[in-house]
Amino acid sequence: MPCCLLALLLGTFLGVRAQTIHQWPPVRVQLVGSPLSLECTVMGTSSPYLYWYRQSLGGTPQLLFSLSIDQVVSEASQSFTAFRPRDGPSILRSEKLLLSDSGFCLCAWSLTLRWVG
């Protein structure tokens, strides 16, 4: 217990803050043929690398995009686009969803540009 309290106090005095990631909207169900736009924001760290994944039913997460402030790398997406304005959230977008796009989309972040997953 004393070591945990010391770590908490040191973090408070040294200005260490927790990082948080927010995906908006948290849940969205869209029809095939409709557009989709999801946002991802990381707070508490400067210039993190962001990743967009899609996980289909019964599958494992598939990396769609990795993004830094000035670079977007497409990994496996045909119908999605992603971008990251300097002063805003990362956006995952599809103009027209396909049946093959079905699944759960999520964002993740790291301090280094490496494959996460």
PDB file of N, CA and C in Angstrom:
ATOM      1  N   MET A   1       0.812  -1.201   0.000  1.00  0.00           N
ATOM      2  CA  MET A   1       0.000   0.000   0.000  1.00  0.00           C
ATOM      3  C   MET A   1       0.856   1.265   0.000  1.00  0.00           C
ATOM      4  N   PRO A   2       1.912   1.401   0.829  1.00  0.00           N
ATOM      5  CA  PRO A   2       2.715   2.614   0.802  1.00  0.00           C
ATOM      6  C   PRO A   2       3.354   2.880  -0.558  1.00  0.00           C
ATOM      7  N   CYS A   3       3.802   1.824  -1.271  1.00  0.00           N
ATOM      8  CA  CYS A   3       4.429   2.053  -2.576  1.00  0.00           C
ATOM      9  C   CYS A   3       3.408   2.541  -3.601  1.00  0.00           C
ATOM     10  N   CYS A   4       2.172   2.073  -3.516  1.00  0.00           N
ATOM     11  CA  CYS A   4       1.133   2.535  -4.437  1.00  0.00           C
ATOM     12  C   CYS A   4       0.791   3.991  -4.182  1.00  0.00           C
ATOM     13  N   LEU A   5       0.725   4.370  -2.912  1.00  0.00           N
ATOM     14  CA  LEU A   5       0.445   5.751  -2.544  1.00  0.00           C
ATOM     15  C   LEU A   5       1.581   6.655  -3.021  1.00  0.00           C
ATOM     16  N   LEU A   6       2.827   6.193  -2.871  1.00  0.00           N
ATOM     17  CA  LEU A   6       3.985   6.964  -3.325  1.00  0.00           C
ATOM     18  C   LEU A   6       3.935   7.157  -4.845  1.00  0.00           C
ATOM     19  N   ALA A   7       3.604   6.117  -5.579  1.00  0.00           N
ATOM     20  CA  ALA A   7       3.522   6.217  -7.033  1.00  0.00           C
ATOM     21  C   ALA A   7       2.413   7.195  -7.443  1.00  0.00           C
ATOM     22  N   LEU A   8       1.289   7.150  -6.747  1.00  0.00           N
ATOM     23  CA  LEU A   8       0.194   8.062  -7.037  1.00  0.00           C
ATOM     24  C   LEU A   8       0.606   9.495  -6.755  1.00  0.00           C
ATOM     25  N   LEU A   9       1.274   9.738  -5.633  1.00  0.00           N
ATOM     26  CA  LEU A   9       1.720  11.089  -5.288  1.00  0.00           C
ATOM     27  C   LEU A   9       2.779  11.590  -6.269  1.00  0.00           C
ATOM     28  N   LEU A  10       3.731  10.739  -6.639  1.00  0.00           N
ATOM     29  CA  LEU A  10       4.746  11.143  -7.607  1.00  0.00           C
ATOM     30  C   LEU A  10       4.116  11.497  -8.946  1.00  0.00           C
ATOM     31  N   GLY A  11       3.158  10.702  -9.376  1.00  0.00           N
ATOM     32  CA  GLY A  11       2.471  10.993 -10.627  1.00  0.00           C
ATOM     33  C   GLY A  11       1.744  12.321 -10.562  1.00  0.00           C
ATOM     34  N   THR A  12       1.146  12.628  -9.429  1.00  0.00           N
ATOM     35  CA  THR A  12       0.434  13.889  -9.268  1.00  0.00           C
ATOM     36  C   THR A  12       1.403  15.066  -9.298  1.00  0.00           C
ATOM     37  N   PHE A  13       2.508  14.956  -8.571  1.00  0.00           N
ATOM     38  CA  PHE A  13       3.466  16.059  -8.509  1.00  0.00           C
ATOM     39  C   PHE A  13       4.260  16.230  -9.800  1.00  0.00           C
ATOM     40  N   LEU A  14       4.495  15.154 -10.516  1.00  0.00           N
ATOM     41  CA  LEU A  14       5.261  15.237 -11.754  1.00  0.00           C
ATOM     42  C   LEU A  14       4.392  15.581 -12.964  1.00  0.00           C
ATOM     43  N   GLY A  15       3.106  15.726 -12.744  1.00  0.00           N
ATOM     44  CA  GLY A  15       2.218  16.110 -13.832  1.00  0.00           C
ATOM     45  C   GLY A  15       1.839  14.980 -14.761  1.00  0.00           C
ATOM     46  N   VAL A  16       1.937  13.733 -14.317  1.00  0.00           N
ATOM     47  CA  VAL A  16       1.559  12.599 -15.147  1.00  0.00           C
ATOM     48  C   VAL A  16       0.039  12.518 -15.171  1.00  0.00           C
ATOM     49  N   ARG A  17      -0.529  12.481 -16.362  1.00  0.00           N
ATOM     50  CA  ARG A  17      -1.969  12.402 -16.509  1.00  0.00           C
ATOM     51  C   ARG A  17      -2.330  11.150 -17.277  1.00  0.00           C
ATOM     52  N   ALA A  18      -3.512  10.678 -17.037  1.00  0.00           N
ATOM     53  CA  ALA A  18      -3.992   9.503 -17.751  1.00  0.00           C
ATOM     54  C   ALA A  18      -4.370   9.900 -19.175  1.00  0.00           C
ATOM     55  N   GLN A  19      -4.103   9.023 -20.107  1.00  0.00           N
ATOM     56  CA  GLN A  19      -4.510   9.232 -21.482  1.00  0.00           C
ATOM     57  C   GLN A  19      -5.881   8.592 -21.667  1.00  0.00           C
ATOM     58  N   THR A  20      -6.718   9.249 -22.431  1.00  0.00           N
ATOM     59  CA  THR A  20      -8.041   8.699 -22.715  1.00  0.00           C
ATOM     60  C   THR A  20      -8.277   8.732 -24.217  1.00  0.00           C
ATOM     61  N   ILE A  21      -9.058   7.788 -24.668  1.00  0.00           N
ATOM     62  CA  ILE A  21      -9.414   7.725 -26.080  1.00  0.00           C
ATOM     63  C   ILE A  21     -10.938   7.703 -26.160  1.00  0.00           C
ATOM     64  N   HIS A  22     -11.470   8.505 -27.073  1.00  0.00           N
ATOM     65  CA  HIS A  22     -12.915   8.590 -27.238  1.00  0.00           C
ATOM     66  C   HIS A  22     -13.254   8.324 -28.697  1.00  0.00           C
ATOM     67  N   GLN A  23     -14.205   7.427 -28.905  1.00  0.00           N
ATOM     68  CA  GLN A  23     -14.697   7.149 -30.255  1.00  0.00           C
ATOM     69  C   GLN A  23     -16.148   7.603 -30.296  1.00  0.00           C
ATOM     70  N   TRP A  24     -16.496   8.381 -31.344  1.00  0.00           N
ATOM     71  CA  TRP A  24     -17.838   8.914 -31.436  1.00  0.00           C
ATOM     72  C   TRP A  24     -18.434   8.622 -32.802  1.00  0.00           C
ATOM     73  N   PRO A  25     -19.620   8.183 -32.874  1.00  0.00           N
ATOM     74  CA  PRO A  25     -20.465   7.757 -31.763  1.00  0.00           C
ATOM     75  C   PRO A  25     -19.990   6.410 -31.218  1.00  0.00           C
ATOM     76  N   PRO A  26     -20.290   6.138 -29.957  1.00  0.00           N
ATOM     77  CA  PRO A  26     -19.821   4.882 -29.368  1.00  0.00           C
ATOM     78  C   PRO A  26     -20.458   3.655 -30.026  1.00  0.00           C
ATOM     79  N   VAL A  27     -21.708   3.789 -30.485  1.00  0.00           N
ATOM     80  CA  VAL A  27     -22.403   2.692 -31.162  1.00  0.00           C
ATOM     81  C   VAL A  27     -23.166   3.286 -32.343  1.00  0.00           C
ATOM     82  N   ARG A  28     -23.043   2.633 -33.484  1.00  0.00           N
ATOM     83  CA  ARG A  28     -23.802   3.086 -34.661  1.00  0.00           C
ATOM     84  C   ARG A  28     -24.093   1.877 -35.529  1.00  0.00           C
ATOM     85  N   VAL A  29     -25.354   1.757 -35.917  1.00  0.00           N
ATOM     86  CA  VAL A  29     -25.783   0.708 -36.837  1.00  0.00           C
ATOM     87  C   VAL A  29     -26.230   1.404 -38.113  1.00  0.00           C
ATOM     88  N   GLN A  30     -25.653   1.005 -39.241  1.00  0.00           N
ATOM     89  CA  GLN A  30     -25.948   1.633 -40.528  1.00  0.00           C
ATOM     90  C   GLN A  30     -26.417   0.584 -41.522  1.00  0.00           C
ATOM     91  N   LEU A  31     -27.237   1.003 -42.445  1.00  0.00           N
ATOM     92  CA  LEU A  31     -27.719   0.118 -43.507  1.00  0.00           C
ATOM     93  C   LEU A  31     -26.696   0.043 -44.640  1.00  0.00           C
ATOM     94  N   VAL A  32     -26.687  -1.077 -45.341  1.00  0.00           N
ATOM     95  CA  VAL A  32     -25.861  -1.214 -46.536  1.00  0.00           C
ATOM     96  C   VAL A  32     -26.270  -0.116 -47.515  1.00  0.00           C
ATOM     97  N   GLY A  33     -25.273   0.544 -48.109  1.00  0.00           N
ATOM     98  CA  GLY A  33     -25.529   1.625 -49.050  1.00  0.00           C
ATOM     99  C   GLY A  33     -25.550   3.006 -48.430  1.00  0.00           C
ATOM    100  N   SER A  34     -25.578   3.072 -47.103  1.00  0.00           N
ATOM    101  CA  SER A  34     -25.598   4.378 -46.434  1.00  0.00           C
ATOM    102  C   SER A  34     -24.176   4.831 -46.101  1.00  0.00           C
ATOM    103  N   PRO A  35     -23.987   6.128 -45.867  1.00  0.00           N
ATOM    104  CA  PRO A  35     -22.658   6.628 -45.491  1.00  0.00           C
ATOM    105  C   PRO A  35     -22.375   6.371 -44.017  1.00  0.00           C
ATOM    106  N   LEU A  36     -21.108   6.406 -43.659  1.00  0.00           N
ATOM    107  CA  LEU A  36     -20.681   6.226 -42.265  1.00  0.00           C
ATOM    108  C   LEU A  36     -19.541   7.188 -41.971  1.00  0.00           C
ATOM    109  N   SER A  37     -19.577   7.785 -40.795  1.00  0.00           N
ATOM    110  CA  SER A  37     -18.479   8.631 -40.341  1.00  0.00           C
ATOM    111  C   SER A  37     -18.290   8.407 -38.846  1.00  0.00           C
ATOM    112  N   LEU A  38     -17.069   8.003 -38.452  1.00  0.00           N
ATOM    113  CA  LEU A  38     -16.716   7.791 -37.047  1.00  0.00           C
ATOM    114  C   LEU A  38     -15.542   8.692 -36.695  1.00  0.00           C
ATOM    115  N   GLU A  39     -15.507   9.188 -35.463  1.00  0.00           N
ATOM    116  CA  GLU A  39     -14.428  10.052 -34.996  1.00  0.00           C
ATOM    117  C   GLU A  39     -13.686   9.398 -33.841  1.00  0.00           C
ATOM    118  N   CYS A  40     -12.390   9.682 -33.754  1.00  0.00           N
ATOM    119  CA  CYS A  40     -11.560   9.167 -32.671  1.00  0.00           C
ATOM    120  C   CYS A  40     -10.653  10.289 -32.170  1.00  0.00           C
ATOM    121  N   THR A  41     -10.688  10.542 -30.869  1.00  0.00           N
ATOM    122  CA  THR A  41      -9.878  11.584 -30.251  1.00  0.00           C
ATOM    123  C   THR A  41      -9.103  10.996 -29.081  1.00  0.00           C
ATOM    124  N   VAL A  42      -7.822  11.332 -28.985  1.00  0.00           N
ATOM    125  CA  VAL A  42      -6.988  10.927 -27.859  1.00  0.00           C
ATOM    126  C   VAL A  42      -6.646  12.175 -27.063  1.00  0.00           C
ATOM    127  N   MET A  43      -6.827  12.104 -25.750  1.00  0.00           N
ATOM    128  CA  MET A  43      -6.512  13.237 -24.886  1.00  0.00           C
ATOM    129  C   MET A  43      -5.469  12.809 -23.859  1.00  0.00           C
ATOM    130  N   GLY A  44      -4.610  13.747 -23.479  1.00  0.00           N
ATOM    131  CA  GLY A  44      -3.624  13.467 -22.448  1.00  0.00           C
ATOM    132  C   GLY A  44      -2.249  13.125 -22.981  1.00  0.00           C
ATOM    133  N   THR A  45      -2.067  13.157 -24.293  1.00  0.00           N
ATOM    134  CA  THR A  45      -0.764  12.916 -24.892  1.00  0.00           C
ATOM    135  C   THR A  45      -0.681  13.717 -26.190  1.00  0.00           C
ATOM    136  N   SER A  46       0.509  14.097 -26.545  1.00  0.00           N
ATOM    137  CA  SER A  46       0.649  14.893 -27.763  1.00  0.00           C
ATOM    138  C   SER A  46       1.038  14.009 -28.938  1.00  0.00           C
ATOM    139  N   SER A  47       0.402  14.222 -30.050  1.00  0.00           N
ATOM    140  CA  SER A  47       0.703  13.560 -31.329  1.00  0.00           C
ATOM    141  C   SER A  47       0.807  12.041 -31.253  1.00  0.00           C
ATOM    142  N   PRO A  48      -0.203  11.365 -30.706  1.00  0.00           N
ATOM    143  CA  PRO A  48      -0.137   9.904 -30.721  1.00  0.00           C
ATOM    144  C   PRO A  48      -0.396   9.372 -32.121  1.00  0.00           C
ATOM    145  N   TYR A  49       0.026   8.156 -32.370  1.00  0.00           N
ATOM    146  CA  TYR A  49      -0.299   7.466 -33.604  1.00  0.00           C
ATOM    147  C   TYR A  49      -1.654   6.796 -33.401  1.00  0.00           C
ATOM    148  N   LEU A  50      -2.508   6.879 -34.410  1.00  0.00           N
ATOM    149  CA  LEU A  50      -3.851   6.315 -34.313  1.00  0.00           C
ATOM    150  C   LEU A  50      -4.016   5.182 -35.306  1.00  0.00           C
ATOM    151  N   TYR A  51      -4.880   4.255 -34.971  1.00  0.00           N
ATOM    152  CA  TYR A  51      -5.138   3.078 -35.790  1.00  0.00           C
ATOM    153  C   TYR A  51      -6.638   2.857 -35.866  1.00  0.00           C
ATOM    154  N   TRP A  52      -7.128   2.508 -37.036  1.00  0.00           N
ATOM    155  CA  TRP A  52      -8.520   2.101 -37.210  1.00  0.00           C
ATOM    156  C   TRP A  52      -8.546   0.615 -37.562  1.00  0.00           C
ATOM    157  N   TYR A  53      -9.395  -0.134 -36.860  1.00  0.00           N
ATOM    158  CA  TYR A  53      -9.567  -1.569 -37.067  1.00  0.00           C
ATOM    159  C   TYR A  53     -11.023  -1.871 -37.399  1.00  0.00           C
ATOM    160  N   ARG A  54     -11.238  -2.983 -38.082  1.00  0.00           N
ATOM    161  CA  ARG A  54     -12.578  -3.528 -38.276  1.00  0.00           C
ATOM    162  C   ARG A  54     -12.534  -5.003 -37.918  1.00  0.00           C
ATOM    163  N   GLN A  55     -13.495  -5.421 -37.117  1.00  0.00           N
ATOM    164  CA  GLN A  55     -13.589  -6.829 -36.734  1.00  0.00           C
ATOM    165  C   GLN A  55     -14.936  -7.355 -37.201  1.00  0.00           C
ATOM    166  N   SER A  56     -14.903  -8.328 -38.111  1.00  0.00           N
ATOM    167  CA  SER A  56     -16.146  -8.937 -38.590  1.00  0.00           C
ATOM    168  C   SER A  56     -16.606 -10.000 -37.595  1.00  0.00           C
ATOM    169  N   LEU A  57     -17.848 -10.382 -37.704  1.00  0.00           N
ATOM    170  CA  LEU A  57     -18.425 -11.363 -36.798  1.00  0.00           C
ATOM    171  C   LEU A  57     -17.601 -12.651 -36.796  1.00  0.00           C
ATOM    172  N   GLY A  58     -17.124 -13.054 -35.626  1.00  0.00           N
ATOM    173  CA  GLY A  58     -16.337 -14.274 -35.492  1.00  0.00           C
ATOM    174  C   GLY A  58     -14.889 -14.151 -35.923  1.00  0.00           C
ATOM    175  N   GLY A  59     -14.478 -12.962 -36.371  1.00  0.00           N
ATOM    176  CA  GLY A  59     -13.105 -12.770 -36.849  1.00  0.00           C
ATOM    177  C   GLY A  59     -12.237 -12.041 -35.839  1.00  0.00           C
ATOM    178  N   THR A  60     -11.027 -11.791 -36.244  1.00  0.00           N
ATOM    179  CA  THR A  60     -10.104 -11.019 -35.415  1.00  0.00           C
ATOM    180  C   THR A  60     -10.020  -9.598 -35.974  1.00  0.00           C
ATOM    181  N   PRO A  61      -9.608  -8.636 -35.161  1.00  0.00           N
ATOM    182  CA  PRO A  61      -9.495  -7.257 -35.661  1.00  0.00           C
ATOM    183  C   PRO A  61      -8.527  -7.165 -36.839  1.00  0.00           C
ATOM    184  N   GLN A  62      -8.945  -6.470 -37.880  1.00  0.00           N
ATOM    185  CA  GLN A  62      -8.137  -6.267 -39.077  1.00  0.00           C
ATOM    186  C   GLN A  62      -7.766  -4.789 -39.154  1.00  0.00           C
ATOM    187  N   LEU A  63      -6.474  -4.509 -39.256  1.00  0.00           N
ATOM    188  CA  LEU A  63      -6.006  -3.130 -39.331  1.00  0.00           C
ATOM    189  C   LEU A  63      -6.410  -2.518 -40.666  1.00  0.00           C
ATOM    190  N   LEU A  64      -7.142  -1.401 -40.616  1.00  0.00           N
ATOM    191  CA  LEU A  64      -7.543  -0.688 -41.825  1.00  0.00           C
ATOM    192  C   LEU A  64      -6.581   0.441 -42.152  1.00  0.00           C
ATOM    193  N   PHE A  65      -6.224   1.251 -41.132  1.00  0.00           N
ATOM    194  CA  PHE A  65      -5.376   2.428 -41.324  1.00  0.00           C
ATOM    195  C   PHE A  65      -4.491   2.649 -40.112  1.00  0.00           C
ATOM    196  N   SER A  66      -3.295   3.160 -40.361  1.00  0.00           N
ATOM    197  CA  SER A  66      -2.459   3.722 -39.294  1.00  0.00           C
ATOM    198  C   SER A  66      -2.212   5.179 -39.686  1.00  0.00           C
ATOM    199  N   LEU A  67      -2.315   6.075 -38.711  1.00  0.00           N
ATOM    200  CA  LEU A  67      -2.247   7.506 -38.986  1.00  0.00           C
ATOM    201  C   LEU A  67      -1.313   8.219 -38.022  1.00  0.00           C
ATOM    202  N   SER A  68      -0.486   9.079 -38.579  1.00  0.00           N
ATOM    203  CA  SER A  68       0.249  10.048 -37.777  1.00  0.00           C
ATOM    204  C   SER A  68      -0.291  11.412 -38.200  1.00  0.00           C
ATOM    205  N   ILE A  69       0.258  12.472 -37.670  1.00  0.00           N
ATOM    206  CA  ILE A  69      -0.233  13.809 -38.011  1.00  0.00           C
ATOM    207  C   ILE A  69      -0.134  14.077 -39.510  1.00  0.00           C
ATOM    208  N   ASP A  70       0.924  13.614 -40.152  1.00  0.00           N
ATOM    209  CA  ASP A  70       1.131  13.953 -41.558  1.00  0.00           C
ATOM    210  C   ASP A  70       1.145  12.755 -42.496  1.00  0.00           C
ATOM    211  N   GLN A  71       0.683  11.593 -42.037  1.00  0.00           N
ATOM    212  CA  GLN A  71       0.730  10.408 -42.886  1.00  0.00           C
ATOM    213  C   GLN A  71      -0.435   9.478 -42.575  1.00  0.00           C
ATOM    214  N   VAL A  72      -1.076   8.977 -43.635  1.00  0.00           N
ATOM    215  CA  VAL A  72      -2.124   7.968 -43.513  1.00  0.00           C
ATOM    216  C   VAL A  72      -1.689   6.768 -44.338  1.00  0.00           C
ATOM    217  N   VAL A  73      -1.620   5.613 -43.695  1.00  0.00           N
ATOM    218  CA  VAL A  73      -1.240   4.386 -44.392  1.00  0.00           C
ATOM    219  C   VAL A  73      -2.445   3.458 -44.405  1.00  0.00           C
ATOM    220  N   SER A  74      -2.906   3.113 -45.621  1.00  0.00           N
ATOM    221  CA  SER A  74      -4.026   2.194 -45.773  1.00  0.00           C
ATOM    222  C   SER A  74      -3.482   0.776 -45.754  1.00  0.00           C
ATOM    223  N   GLU A  75      -4.062  -0.062 -44.925  1.00  0.00           N
ATOM    224  CA  GLU A  75      -3.576  -1.432 -44.781  1.00  0.00           C
ATOM    225  C   GLU A  75      -4.446  -2.441 -45.528  1.00  0.00           C
ATOM    226  N   ALA A  76      -5.759  -2.318 -45.392  1.00  0.00           N
ATOM    227  CA  ALA A  76      -6.606  -3.363 -45.974  1.00  0.00           C
ATOM    228  C   ALA A  76      -7.995  -2.856 -46.325  1.00  0.00           C
ATOM    229  N   SER A  77      -8.137  -1.598 -46.597  1.00  0.00           N
ATOM    230  CA  SER A  77      -9.464  -1.050 -46.812  1.00  0.00           C
ATOM    231  C   SER A  77      -9.703  -0.715 -48.274  1.00  0.00           C
ATOM    232  N   GLN A  78     -10.871  -1.128 -48.765  1.00  0.00           N
ATOM    233  CA  GLN A  78     -11.240  -0.744 -50.114  1.00  0.00           C
ATOM    234  C   GLN A  78     -12.320   0.337 -50.114  1.00  0.00           C
ATOM    235  N   SER A  79     -13.240   0.286 -49.176  1.00  0.00           N
ATOM    236  CA  SER A  79     -14.357   1.225 -49.216  1.00  0.00           C
ATOM    237  C   SER A  79     -14.302   2.290 -48.126  1.00  0.00           C
ATOM    238  N   PHE A  80     -13.312   2.229 -47.258  1.00  0.00           N
ATOM    239  CA  PHE A  80     -13.168   3.236 -46.203  1.00  0.00           C
ATOM    240  C   PHE A  80     -12.041   4.208 -46.544  1.00  0.00           C
ATOM    241  N   THR A  81     -12.148   5.412 -46.039  1.00  0.00           N
ATOM    242  CA  THR A  81     -11.058   6.379 -46.069  1.00  0.00           C
ATOM    243  C   THR A  81     -10.847   6.859 -44.643  1.00  0.00           C
ATOM    244  N   ALA A  82      -9.649   7.333 -44.369  1.00  0.00           N
ATOM    245  CA  ALA A  82      -9.353   7.872 -43.044  1.00  0.00           C
ATOM    246  C   ALA A  82      -8.491   9.109 -43.215  1.00  0.00           C
ATOM    247  N   PHE A  83      -8.666  10.058 -42.330  1.00  0.00           N
ATOM    248  CA  PHE A  83      -7.809  11.234 -42.326  1.00  0.00           C
ATOM    249  C   PHE A  83      -7.732  11.774 -40.915  1.00  0.00           C
ATOM    250  N   ARG A  84      -6.758  12.631 -40.712  1.00  0.00           N
ATOM    251  CA  ARG A  84      -6.504  13.168 -39.383  1.00  0.00           C
ATOM    252  C   ARG A  84      -6.046  14.617 -39.498  1.00  0.00           C
ATOM    253  N   PRO A  85      -6.963  15.556 -39.345  1.00  0.00           N
ATOM    254  CA  PRO A  85      -6.567  16.957 -39.362  1.00  0.00           C
ATOM    255  C   PRO A  85      -5.646  17.268 -38.181  1.00  0.00           C
ATOM    256  N   ARG A  86      -4.801  18.250 -38.339  1.00  0.00           N
ATOM    257  CA  ARG A  86      -3.843  18.601 -37.288  1.00  0.00           C
ATOM    258  C   ARG A  86      -4.527  18.979 -35.969  1.00  0.00           C
ATOM    259  N   ASP A  87      -5.644  19.682 -36.040  1.00  0.00           N
ATOM    260  CA  ASP A  87      -6.306  20.157 -34.821  1.00  0.00           C
ATOM    261  C   ASP A  87      -7.675  19.526 -34.611  1.00  0.00           C
ATOM    262  N   GLY A  88      -7.812  18.268 -34.969  1.00  0.00           N
ATOM    263  CA  GLY A  88      -9.112  17.648 -34.814  1.00  0.00           C
ATOM    264  C   GLY A  88      -9.003  16.148 -34.652  1.00  0.00           C
ATOM    265  N   PRO A  89     -10.157  15.502 -34.570  1.00  0.00           N
ATOM    266  CA  PRO A  89     -10.161  14.048 -34.397  1.00  0.00           C
ATOM    267  C   PRO A  89      -9.807  13.323 -35.686  1.00  0.00           C
ATOM    268  N   SER A  90      -9.428  12.079 -35.537  1.00  0.00           N
ATOM    269  CA  SER A  90      -9.245  11.203 -36.692  1.00  0.00           C
ATOM    270  C   SER A  90     -10.638  10.781 -37.158  1.00  0.00           C
ATOM    271  N   ILE A  91     -10.814  10.708 -38.468  1.00  0.00           N
ATOM    272  CA  ILE A  91     -12.114  10.365 -39.033  1.00  0.00           C
ATOM    273  C   ILE A  91     -11.985   9.102 -39.879  1.00  0.00           C
ATOM    274  N   LEU A  92     -12.881   8.146 -39.657  1.00  0.00           N
ATOM    275  CA  LEU A  92     -13.018   6.975 -40.522  1.00  0.00           C
ATOM    276  C   LEU A  92     -14.331   7.166 -41.269  1.00  0.00           C
ATOM    277  N   ARG A  93     -14.278   7.065 -42.598  1.00  0.00           N
ATOM    278  CA  ARG A  93     -15.459   7.397 -43.396  1.00  0.00           C
ATOM    279  C   ARG A  93     -15.656   6.398 -44.526  1.00  0.00           C
ATOM    280  N   SER A  94     -16.931   6.169 -44.815  1.00  0.00           N
ATOM    281  CA  SER A  94     -17.323   5.423 -46.003  1.00  0.00           C
ATOM    282  C   SER A  94     -18.483   6.183 -46.638  1.00  0.00           C
ATOM    283  N   GLU A  95     -18.380   6.415 -47.938  1.00  0.00           N
ATOM    284  CA  GLU A  95     -19.464   7.120 -48.643  1.00  0.00           C
ATOM    285  C   GLU A  95     -20.666   6.205 -48.859  1.00  0.00           C
ATOM    286  N   LYS A  96     -20.382   4.895 -49.014  1.00  0.00           N
ATOM    287  CA  LYS A  96     -21.444   3.934 -49.281  1.00  0.00           C
ATOM    288  C   LYS A  96     -21.012   2.578 -48.734  1.00  0.00           C
ATOM    289  N   LEU A  97     -21.607   2.157 -47.619  1.00  0.00           N
ATOM    290  CA  LEU A  97     -21.221   0.896 -46.985  1.00  0.00           C
ATOM    291  C   LEU A  97     -21.616  -0.309 -47.838  1.00  0.00           C
ATOM    292  N   LEU A  98     -20.724  -1.277 -47.873  1.00  0.00           N
ATOM    293  CA  LEU A  98     -20.967  -2.539 -48.558  1.00  0.00           C
ATOM    294  C   LEU A  98     -21.309  -3.611 -47.521  1.00  0.00           C
ATOM    295  N   LEU A  99     -21.931  -4.675 -47.935  1.00  0.00           N
ATOM    296  CA  LEU A  99     -22.232  -5.779 -47.029  1.00  0.00           C
ATOM    297  C   LEU A  99     -20.933  -6.334 -46.437  1.00  0.00           C
ATOM    298  N   SER A 100     -19.869  -6.348 -47.227  1.00  0.00           N
ATOM    299  CA  SER A 100     -18.575  -6.859 -46.749  1.00  0.00           C
ATOM    300  C   SER A 100     -17.926  -5.943 -45.699  1.00  0.00           C
ATOM    301  N   ASP A 101     -18.462  -4.736 -45.502  1.00  0.00           N
ATOM    302  CA  ASP A 101     -17.945  -3.826 -44.465  1.00  0.00           C
ATOM    303  C   ASP A 101     -18.523  -4.135 -43.098  1.00  0.00           C
ATOM    304  N   SER A 102     -19.461  -5.083 -43.026  1.00  0.00           N
ATOM    305  CA  SER A 102     -20.123  -5.396 -41.758  1.00  0.00           C
ATOM    306  C   SER A 102     -19.099  -5.766 -40.698  1.00  0.00           C
ATOM    307  N   GLY A 103     -19.318  -5.266 -39.500  1.00  0.00           N
ATOM    308  CA  GLY A 103     -18.425  -5.582 -38.394  1.00  0.00           C
ATOM    309  C   GLY A 103     -18.377  -4.454 -37.390  1.00  0.00           C
ATOM    310  N   PHE A 104     -17.446  -4.569 -36.497  1.00  0.00           N
ATOM    311  CA  PHE A 104     -17.257  -3.625 -35.409  1.00  0.00           C
ATOM    312  C   PHE A 104     -16.008  -2.803 -35.705  1.00  0.00           C
ATOM    313  N   CYS A 105     -16.140  -1.487 -35.830  1.00  0.00           N
ATOM    314  CA  CYS A 105     -14.989  -0.614 -36.091  1.00  0.00           C
ATOM    315  C   CYS A 105     -14.531   0.005 -34.784  1.00  0.00           C
ATOM    316  N   LEU A 106     -13.221   0.063 -34.598  1.00  0.00           N
ATOM    317  CA  LEU A 106     -12.693   0.665 -33.381  1.00  0.00           C
ATOM    318  C   LEU A 106     -11.375   1.357 -33.659  1.00  0.00           C
ATOM    319  N   CYS A 107     -11.063   2.317 -32.814  1.00  0.00           N
ATOM    320  CA  CYS A 107      -9.792   3.018 -32.941  1.00  0.00           C
ATOM    321  C   CYS A 107      -8.909   2.685 -31.737  1.00  0.00           C
ATOM    322  N   ALA A 108      -7.610   2.817 -31.948  1.00  0.00           N
ATOM    323  CA  ALA A 108      -6.612   2.568 -30.906  1.00  0.00           C
ATOM    324  C   ALA A 108      -5.496   3.583 -31.101  1.00  0.00           C
ATOM    325  N   TRP A 109      -4.623   3.711 -30.117  1.00  0.00           N
ATOM    326  CA  TRP A 109      -3.510   4.657 -30.235  1.00  0.00           C
ATOM    327  C   TRP A 109      -2.255   4.090 -29.582  1.00  0.00           C
ATOM    328  N   SER A 110      -1.113   4.639 -29.976  1.00  0.00           N
ATOM    329  CA  SER A 110       0.162   4.310 -29.334  1.00  0.00           C
ATOM    330  C   SER A 110       1.096   5.506 -29.492  1.00  0.00           C
ATOM    331  N   LEU A 111       2.187   5.499 -28.760  1.00  0.00           N
ATOM    332  CA  LEU A 111       3.166   6.590 -28.847  1.00  0.00           C
ATOM    333  C   LEU A 111       4.174   6.365 -29.966  1.00  0.00           C
ATOM    334  N   THR A 112       4.213   5.139 -30.507  1.00  0.00           N
ATOM    335  CA  THR A 112       5.133   4.819 -31.605  1.00  0.00           C
ATOM    336  C   THR A 112       4.341   4.278 -32.782  1.00  0.00           C
ATOM    337  N   LEU A 113       4.905   4.400 -33.965  1.00  0.00           N
ATOM    338  CA  LEU A 113       4.243   3.914 -35.168  1.00  0.00           C
ATOM    339  C   LEU A 113       4.653   2.472 -35.402  1.00  0.00           C
ATOM    340  N   ARG A 114       3.933   1.573 -34.768  1.00  0.00           N
ATOM    341  CA  ARG A 114       4.143   0.142 -34.935  1.00  0.00           C
ATOM    342  C   ARG A 114       2.785  -0.517 -35.033  1.00  0.00           C
ATOM    343  N   TRP A 115       2.776  -1.673 -35.641  1.00  0.00           N
ATOM    344  CA  TRP A 115       1.528  -2.400 -35.763  1.00  0.00           C
ATOM    345  C   TRP A 115       1.028  -2.754 -34.384  1.00  0.00           C
ATOM    346  N   VAL A 116      -0.241  -2.457 -34.108  1.00  0.00           N
ATOM    347  CA  VAL A 116      -0.855  -2.759 -32.829  1.00  0.00           C
ATOM    348  C   VAL A 116      -1.862  -3.858 -33.061  1.00  0.00           C
ATOM    349  N   GLY A 117      -1.703  -4.985 -32.386  1.00  0.00           N
ATOM    350  CA  GLY A 117      -2.689  -6.041 -32.555  1.00  0.00           C
ATOM    351  C   GLY A 117      -2.138  -7.337 -32.669  1.00  0.00           C
TER     352      GLY A 117
END
